Amino acid sequence: MVQAVAARLYKARIWEEDEVHSEKWFDPETGGVAFIADLMVTEGSLIRQWSEEKQQFAYRATDILPVSQLAV
């Protein structure tokens, strides 16, 4: 499970080498939403990708359920 979570965080560029990019979590206006969105990336219900068009990260829903939700 830890490997799956780590892979999602690395792919989303939230976690790079030994650093977590959490600056937006502490914004007084949008920090709560940013934190929840990154938690949803961690659990596998959202995907975070860089948008060249908007020059920022964009979030979208995943097409499949994470493995952790398929376990009995």
PDB file of N, CA and C in Angstrom:
ATOM      1  N   MET A   1       0.826  -1.185   0.000  1.00  0.00           N
ATOM      2  CA  MET A   1       0.000   0.000   0.000  1.00  0.00           C
ATOM      3  C   MET A   1       0.876   1.256   0.000  1.00  0.00           C
ATOM      4  N   VAL A   2       1.930   1.253   0.792  1.00  0.00           N
ATOM      5  CA  VAL A   2       2.820   2.413   0.859  1.00  0.00           C
ATOM      6  C   VAL A   2       3.460   2.679  -0.498  1.00  0.00           C
ATOM      7  N   GLN A   3       3.845   1.634  -1.208  1.00  0.00           N
ATOM      8  CA  GLN A   3       4.440   1.807  -2.530  1.00  0.00           C
ATOM      9  C   GLN A   3       3.444   2.438  -3.505  1.00  0.00           C
ATOM     10  N   ALA A   4       2.191   2.045  -3.431  1.00  0.00           N
ATOM     11  CA  ALA A   4       1.169   2.610  -4.319  1.00  0.00           C
ATOM     12  C   ALA A   4       0.950   4.090  -4.016  1.00  0.00           C
ATOM     13  N   VAL A   5       0.873   4.437  -2.750  1.00  0.00           N
ATOM     14  CA  VAL A   5       0.692   5.838  -2.351  1.00  0.00           C
ATOM     15  C   VAL A   5       1.911   6.658  -2.770  1.00  0.00           C
ATOM     16  N   ALA A   6       3.098   6.151  -2.510  1.00  0.00           N
ATOM     17  CA  ALA A   6       4.324   6.862  -2.887  1.00  0.00           C
ATOM     18  C   ALA A   6       4.389   7.081  -4.391  1.00  0.00           C
ATOM     19  N   ALA A   7       4.009   6.089  -5.156  1.00  0.00           N
ATOM     20  CA  ALA A   7       4.026   6.214  -6.620  1.00  0.00           C
ATOM     21  C   ALA A   7       3.084   7.326  -7.082  1.00  0.00           C
ATOM     22  N   ARG A   8       1.903   7.404  -6.479  1.00  0.00           N
ATOM     23  CA  ARG A   8       0.954   8.461  -6.861  1.00  0.00           C
ATOM     24  C   ARG A   8       1.500   9.838  -6.495  1.00  0.00           C
ATOM     25  N   LEU A   9       2.123   9.961  -5.326  1.00  0.00           N
ATOM     26  CA  LEU A   9       2.678  11.249  -4.904  1.00  0.00           C
ATOM     27  C   LEU A   9       3.856  11.678  -5.771  1.00  0.00           C
ATOM     28  N   TYR A  10       4.697  10.733  -6.154  1.00  0.00           N
ATOM     29  CA  TYR A  10       5.815  11.049  -7.053  1.00  0.00           C
ATOM     30  C   TYR A  10       5.305  11.451  -8.437  1.00  0.00           C
ATOM     31  N   LYS A  11       4.361  10.708  -8.971  1.00  0.00           N
ATOM     32  CA  LYS A  11       3.832  11.000 -10.296  1.00  0.00           C
ATOM     33  C   LYS A  11       3.171  12.377 -10.331  1.00  0.00           C
ATOM     34  N   ALA A  12       2.499  12.754  -9.251  1.00  0.00           N
ATOM     35  CA  ALA A  12       1.823  14.054  -9.160  1.00  0.00           C
ATOM     36  C   ALA A  12       2.789  15.191  -8.824  1.00  0.00           C
ATOM     37  N   ARG A  13       4.031  14.840  -8.565  1.00  0.00           N
ATOM     38  CA  ARG A  13       5.073  15.802  -8.202  1.00  0.00           C
ATOM     39  C   ARG A  13       4.740  16.546  -6.906  1.00  0.00           C
ATOM     40  N   ILE A  14       4.004  15.887  -6.030  1.00  0.00           N
ATOM     41  CA  ILE A  14       3.770  16.409  -4.684  1.00  0.00           C
ATOM     42  C   ILE A  14       4.979  16.051  -3.816  1.00  0.00           C
ATOM     43  N   TRP A  15       5.532  14.859  -4.083  1.00  0.00           N
ATOM     44  CA  TRP A  15       6.680  14.345  -3.339  1.00  0.00           C
ATOM     45  C   TRP A  15       7.809  14.145  -4.338  1.00  0.00           C
ATOM     46  N   GLU A  16       8.918  14.865  -4.164  1.00  0.00           N
ATOM     47  CA  GLU A  16      10.080  14.735  -5.039  1.00  0.00           C
ATOM     48  C   GLU A  16      11.327  14.566  -4.179  1.00  0.00           C
ATOM     49  N   GLU A  17      12.008  13.447  -4.404  1.00  0.00           N
ATOM     50  CA  GLU A  17      13.177  13.049  -3.619  1.00  0.00           C
ATOM     51  C   GLU A  17      12.805  13.035  -2.147  1.00  0.00           C
ATOM     52  N   ASP A  18      13.350  13.939  -1.334  1.00  0.00           N
ATOM     53  CA  ASP A  18      13.026  13.931   0.091  1.00  0.00           C
ATOM     54  C   ASP A  18      12.221  15.158   0.499  1.00  0.00           C
ATOM     55  N   GLU A  19      11.530  15.760  -0.454  1.00  0.00           N
ATOM     56  CA  GLU A  19      10.788  16.995  -0.204  1.00  0.00           C
ATOM     57  C   GLU A  19       9.319  16.856  -0.597  1.00  0.00           C
ATOM     58  N   VAL A  20       8.436  17.365   0.268  1.00  0.00           N
ATOM     59  CA  VAL A  20       7.014  17.408  -0.023  1.00  0.00           C
ATOM     60  C   VAL A  20       6.669  18.853  -0.356  1.00  0.00           C
ATOM     61  N   HIS A  21       6.029  19.067  -1.503  1.00  0.00           N
ATOM     62  CA  HIS A  21       5.638  20.411  -1.911  1.00  0.00           C
ATOM     63  C   HIS A  21       4.267  20.721  -1.311  1.00  0.00           C
ATOM     64  N   SER A  22       4.281  21.424  -0.209  1.00  0.00           N
ATOM     65  CA  SER A  22       3.048  21.666   0.537  1.00  0.00           C
ATOM     66  C   SER A  22       2.772  23.150   0.745  1.00  0.00           C
ATOM     67  N   GLU A  23       3.422  24.011  -0.022  1.00  0.00           N
ATOM     68  CA  GLU A  23       3.273  25.450   0.181  1.00  0.00           C
ATOM     69  C   GLU A  23       1.821  25.906   0.143  1.00  0.00           C
ATOM     70  N   LYS A  24       1.064  25.381  -0.815  1.00  0.00           N
ATOM     71  CA  LYS A  24      -0.326  25.819  -0.983  1.00  0.00           C
ATOM     72  C   LYS A  24      -1.226  25.380   0.168  1.00  0.00           C
ATOM     73  N   TRP A  25      -0.824  24.382   0.922  1.00  0.00           N
ATOM     74  CA  TRP A  25      -1.641  23.899   2.036  1.00  0.00           C
ATOM     75  C   TRP A  25      -1.814  24.976   3.106  1.00  0.00           C
ATOM     76  N   PHE A  26      -0.881  25.913   3.182  1.00  0.00           N
ATOM     77  CA  PHE A  26      -0.884  26.904   4.253  1.00  0.00           C
ATOM     78  C   PHE A  26      -1.466  28.246   3.828  1.00  0.00           C
ATOM     79  N   ASP A  27      -2.008  28.337   2.631  1.00  0.00           N
ATOM     80  CA  ASP A  27      -2.665  29.552   2.168  1.00  0.00           C
ATOM     81  C   ASP A  27      -3.966  29.704   2.953  1.00  0.00           C
ATOM     82  N   PRO A  28      -4.180  30.858   3.601  1.00  0.00           N
ATOM     83  CA  PRO A  28      -5.381  31.022   4.425  1.00  0.00           C
ATOM     84  C   PRO A  28      -6.698  30.899   3.659  1.00  0.00           C
ATOM     85  N   GLU A  29      -6.695  31.215   2.366  1.00  0.00           N
ATOM     86  CA  GLU A  29      -7.942  31.178   1.607  1.00  0.00           C
ATOM     87  C   GLU A  29      -8.187  29.844   0.904  1.00  0.00           C
ATOM     88  N   THR A  30      -7.148  29.240   0.347  1.00  0.00           N
ATOM     89  CA  THR A  30      -7.340  28.024  -0.458  1.00  0.00           C
ATOM     90  C   THR A  30      -6.608  26.801   0.094  1.00  0.00           C
ATOM     91  N   GLY A  31      -5.958  26.958   1.222  1.00  0.00           N
ATOM     92  CA  GLY A  31      -5.151  25.874   1.777  1.00  0.00           C
ATOM     93  C   GLY A  31      -5.923  24.609   2.095  1.00  0.00           C
ATOM     94  N   GLY A  32      -7.126  24.766   2.620  1.00  0.00           N
ATOM     95  CA  GLY A  32      -7.936  23.590   2.955  1.00  0.00           C
ATOM     96  C   GLY A  32      -8.298  22.773   1.726  1.00  0.00           C
ATOM     97  N   VAL A  33      -8.682  23.456   0.659  1.00  0.00           N
ATOM     98  CA  VAL A  33      -9.038  22.771  -0.582  1.00  0.00           C
ATOM     99  C   VAL A  33      -7.802  22.116  -1.195  1.00  0.00           C
ATOM    100  N   ALA A  34      -6.663  22.816  -1.182  1.00  0.00           N
ATOM    101  CA  ALA A  34      -5.422  22.255  -1.733  1.00  0.00           C
ATOM    102  C   ALA A  34      -5.015  20.992  -0.967  1.00  0.00           C
ATOM    103  N   PHE A  35      -5.142  21.025   0.346  1.00  0.00           N
ATOM    104  CA  PHE A  35      -4.787  19.871   1.175  1.00  0.00           C
ATOM    105  C   PHE A  35      -5.706  18.686   0.867  1.00  0.00           C
ATOM    106  N   ILE A  36      -7.005  18.934   0.794  1.00  0.00           N
ATOM    107  CA  ILE A  36      -7.974  17.861   0.507  1.00  0.00           C
ATOM    108  C   ILE A  36      -7.733  17.296  -0.894  1.00  0.00           C
ATOM    109  N   ALA A  37      -7.462  18.164  -1.865  1.00  0.00           N
ATOM    110  CA  ALA A  37      -7.195  17.690  -3.232  1.00  0.00           C
ATOM    111  C   ALA A  37      -5.972  16.784  -3.252  1.00  0.00           C
ATOM    112  N   ASP A  38      -4.909  17.168  -2.532  1.00  0.00           N
ATOM    113  CA  ASP A  38      -3.713  16.327  -2.489  1.00  0.00           C
ATOM    114  C   ASP A  38      -3.969  15.028  -1.730  1.00  0.00           C
ATOM    115  N   LEU A  39      -4.813  15.059  -0.717  1.00  0.00           N
ATOM    116  CA  LEU A  39      -5.197  13.810  -0.039  1.00  0.00           C
ATOM    117  C   LEU A  39      -5.926  12.881  -1.006  1.00  0.00           C
ATOM    118  N   MET A  40      -6.762  13.453  -1.856  1.00  0.00           N
ATOM    119  CA  MET A  40      -7.500  12.642  -2.827  1.00  0.00           C
ATOM    120  C   MET A  40      -6.560  12.062  -3.883  1.00  0.00           C
ATOM    121  N   VAL A  41      -5.478  12.770  -4.200  1.00  0.00           N
ATOM    122  CA  VAL A  41      -4.440  12.215  -5.080  1.00  0.00           C
ATOM    123  C   VAL A  41      -3.790  11.035  -4.373  1.00  0.00           C
ATOM    124  N   THR A  42      -3.502  11.196  -3.100  1.00  0.00           N
ATOM    125  CA  THR A  42      -2.876  10.133  -2.314  1.00  0.00           C
ATOM    126  C   THR A  42      -3.724   8.870  -2.302  1.00  0.00           C
ATOM    127  N   GLU A  43      -5.028   9.016  -2.137  1.00  0.00           N
ATOM    128  CA  GLU A  43      -5.893   7.843  -2.080  1.00  0.00           C
ATOM    129  C   GLU A  43      -6.212   7.279  -3.461  1.00  0.00           C
ATOM    130  N   GLY A  44      -5.935   8.051  -4.515  1.00  0.00           N
ATOM    131  CA  GLY A  44      -6.141   7.551  -5.863  1.00  0.00           C
ATOM    132  C   GLY A  44      -7.431   7.977  -6.524  1.00  0.00           C
ATOM    133  N   SER A  45      -8.196   8.890  -5.911  1.00  0.00           N
ATOM    134  CA  SER A  45      -9.452   9.319  -6.524  1.00  0.00           C
ATOM    135  C   SER A  45      -9.296  10.545  -7.423  1.00  0.00           C
ATOM    136  N   LEU A  46      -8.159  11.234  -7.344  1.00  0.00           N
ATOM    137  CA  LEU A  46      -7.839  12.335  -8.247  1.00  0.00           C
ATOM    138  C   LEU A  46      -6.459  12.126  -8.845  1.00  0.00           C
ATOM    139  N   ILE A  47      -6.261  12.705 -10.027  1.00  0.00           N
ATOM    140  CA  ILE A  47      -4.949  12.712 -10.671  1.00  0.00           C
ATOM    141  C   ILE A  47      -4.530  14.171 -10.794  1.00  0.00           C
ATOM    142  N   ARG A  48      -3.284  14.451 -10.461  1.00  0.00           N
ATOM    143  CA  ARG A  48      -2.746  15.810 -10.565  1.00  0.00           C
ATOM    144  C   ARG A  48      -1.699  15.816 -11.666  1.00  0.00           C
ATOM    145  N   GLN A  49      -1.890  16.683 -12.680  1.00  0.00           N
ATOM    146  CA  GLN A  49      -0.951  16.773 -13.793  1.00  0.00           C
ATOM    147  C   GLN A  49      -0.690  18.232 -14.115  1.00  0.00           C
ATOM    148  N   TRP A  50       0.515  18.493 -14.643  1.00  0.00           N
ATOM    149  CA  TRP A  50       0.873  19.837 -15.046  1.00  0.00           C
ATOM    150  C   TRP A  50       0.151  20.189 -16.341  1.00  0.00           C
ATOM    151  N   SER A  51      -0.449  21.371 -16.382  1.00  0.00           N
ATOM    152  CA  SER A  51      -1.118  21.861 -17.573  1.00  0.00           C
ATOM    153  C   SER A  51      -0.225  22.912 -18.228  1.00  0.00           C
ATOM    154  N   GLU A  52       0.292  22.579 -19.414  1.00  0.00           N
ATOM    155  CA  GLU A  52       1.122  23.540 -20.148  1.00  0.00           C
ATOM    156  C   GLU A  52       0.290  24.757 -20.543  1.00  0.00           C
ATOM    157  N   GLU A  53      -0.963  24.519 -20.871  1.00  0.00           N
ATOM    158  CA  GLU A  53      -1.852  25.597 -21.301  1.00  0.00           C
ATOM    159  C   GLU A  53      -2.065  26.634 -20.198  1.00  0.00           C
ATOM    160  N   LYS A  54      -2.327  26.152 -18.979  1.00  0.00           N
ATOM    161  CA  LYS A  54      -2.624  27.050 -17.862  1.00  0.00           C
ATOM    162  C   LYS A  54      -1.410  27.369 -16.999  1.00  0.00           C
ATOM    163  N   GLN A  55      -0.299  26.652 -17.253  1.00  0.00           N
ATOM    164  CA  GLN A  55       0.935  26.832 -16.485  1.00  0.00           C
ATOM    165  C   GLN A  55       0.705  26.641 -14.981  1.00  0.00           C
ATOM    166  N   GLN A  56      -0.059  25.607 -14.669  1.00  0.00           N
ATOM    167  CA  GLN A  56      -0.297  25.229 -13.278  1.00  0.00           C
ATOM    168  C   GLN A  56      -0.761  23.773 -13.242  1.00  0.00           C
ATOM    169  N   PHE A  57      -0.810  23.212 -12.038  1.00  0.00           N
ATOM    170  CA  PHE A  57      -1.290  21.851 -11.903  1.00  0.00           C
ATOM    171  C   PHE A  57      -2.807  21.820 -12.029  1.00  0.00           C
ATOM    172  N   ALA A  58      -3.307  20.781 -12.675  1.00  0.00           N
ATOM    173  CA  ALA A  58      -4.741  20.571 -12.829  1.00  0.00           C
ATOM    174  C   ALA A  58      -5.094  19.219 -12.220  1.00  0.00           C
ATOM    175  N   TYR A  59      -6.248  19.139 -11.609  1.00  0.00           N
ATOM    176  CA  TYR A  59      -6.728  17.912 -10.990  1.00  0.00           C
ATOM    177  C   TYR A  59      -7.901  17.388 -11.804  1.00  0.00           C
ATOM    178  N   ARG A  60      -7.968  16.062 -11.919  1.00  0.00           N
ATOM    179  CA  ARG A  60      -9.126  15.439 -12.568  1.00  0.00           C
ATOM    180  C   ARG A  60      -9.406  14.109 -11.879  1.00  0.00           C
ATOM    181  N   ALA A  61     -10.643  13.659 -12.002  1.00  0.00           N
ATOM    182  CA  ALA A  61     -11.042  12.395 -11.391  1.00  0.00           C
ATOM    183  C   ALA A  61     -10.396  11.233 -12.138  1.00  0.00           C
ATOM    184  N   THR A  62     -10.091  10.176 -11.409  1.00  0.00           N
ATOM    185  CA  THR A  62      -9.547   8.973 -12.035  1.00  0.00           C
ATOM    186  C   THR A  62     -10.674   8.199 -12.693  1.00  0.00           C
ATOM    187  N   ASP A  63     -10.308   7.386 -13.663  1.00  0.00           N
ATOM    188  CA  ASP A  63     -11.292   6.585 -14.381  1.00  0.00           C
ATOM    189  C   ASP A  63     -11.576   5.249 -13.707  1.00  0.00           C
ATOM    190  N   ILE A  64     -10.681   4.826 -12.829  1.00  0.00           N
ATOM    191  CA  ILE A  64     -10.839   3.531 -12.164  1.00  0.00           C
ATOM    192  C   ILE A  64     -10.702   3.686 -10.661  1.00  0.00           C
ATOM    193  N   LEU A  65     -11.246   2.756  -9.929  1.00  0.00           N
ATOM    194  CA  LEU A  65     -11.126   2.784  -8.466  1.00  0.00           C
ATOM    195  C   LEU A  65      -9.723   2.387  -8.038  1.00  0.00           C
ATOM    196  N   PRO A  66      -9.192   3.013  -6.984  1.00  0.00           N
ATOM    197  CA  PRO A  66      -7.893   2.583  -6.463  1.00  0.00           C
ATOM    198  C   PRO A  66      -7.995   1.158  -5.939  1.00  0.00           C
ATOM    199  N   VAL A  67      -6.897   0.443  -5.970  1.00  0.00           N
ATOM    200  CA  VAL A  67      -6.853  -0.940  -5.509  1.00  0.00           C
ATOM    201  C   VAL A  67      -7.305  -1.052  -4.069  1.00  0.00           C
ATOM    202  N   SER A  68      -6.975  -0.069  -3.247  1.00  0.00           N
ATOM    203  CA  SER A  68      -7.347  -0.129  -1.828  1.00  0.00           C
ATOM    204  C   SER A  68      -8.866  -0.202  -1.647  1.00  0.00           C
ATOM    205  N   GLN A  69      -9.658   0.328  -2.595  1.00  0.00           N
ATOM    206  CA  GLN A  69     -11.116   0.257  -2.481  1.00  0.00           C
ATOM    207  C   GLN A  69     -11.678  -1.043  -3.025  1.00  0.00           C
ATOM    208  N   LEU A  70     -10.837  -1.809  -3.731  1.00  0.00           N
ATOM    209  CA  LEU A  70     -11.298  -3.081  -4.266  1.00  0.00           C
ATOM    210  C   LEU A  70     -11.028  -4.243  -3.306  1.00  0.00           C
ATOM    211  N   ALA A  71     -10.222  -3.994  -2.278  1.00  0.00           N
ATOM    212  CA  ALA A  71      -9.893  -5.047  -1.337  1.00  0.00           C
ATOM    213  C   ALA A  71     -11.096  -5.378  -0.457  1.00  0.00           C
ATOM    214  N   VAL A  72     -11.210  -6.635  -0.090  1.00  0.00           N
ATOM    215  CA  VAL A  72     -12.333  -7.066   0.750  1.00  0.00           C
ATOM    216  C   VAL A  72     -11.868  -7.237   2.168  1.00  0.00           C
TER     217      VAL A  72
END
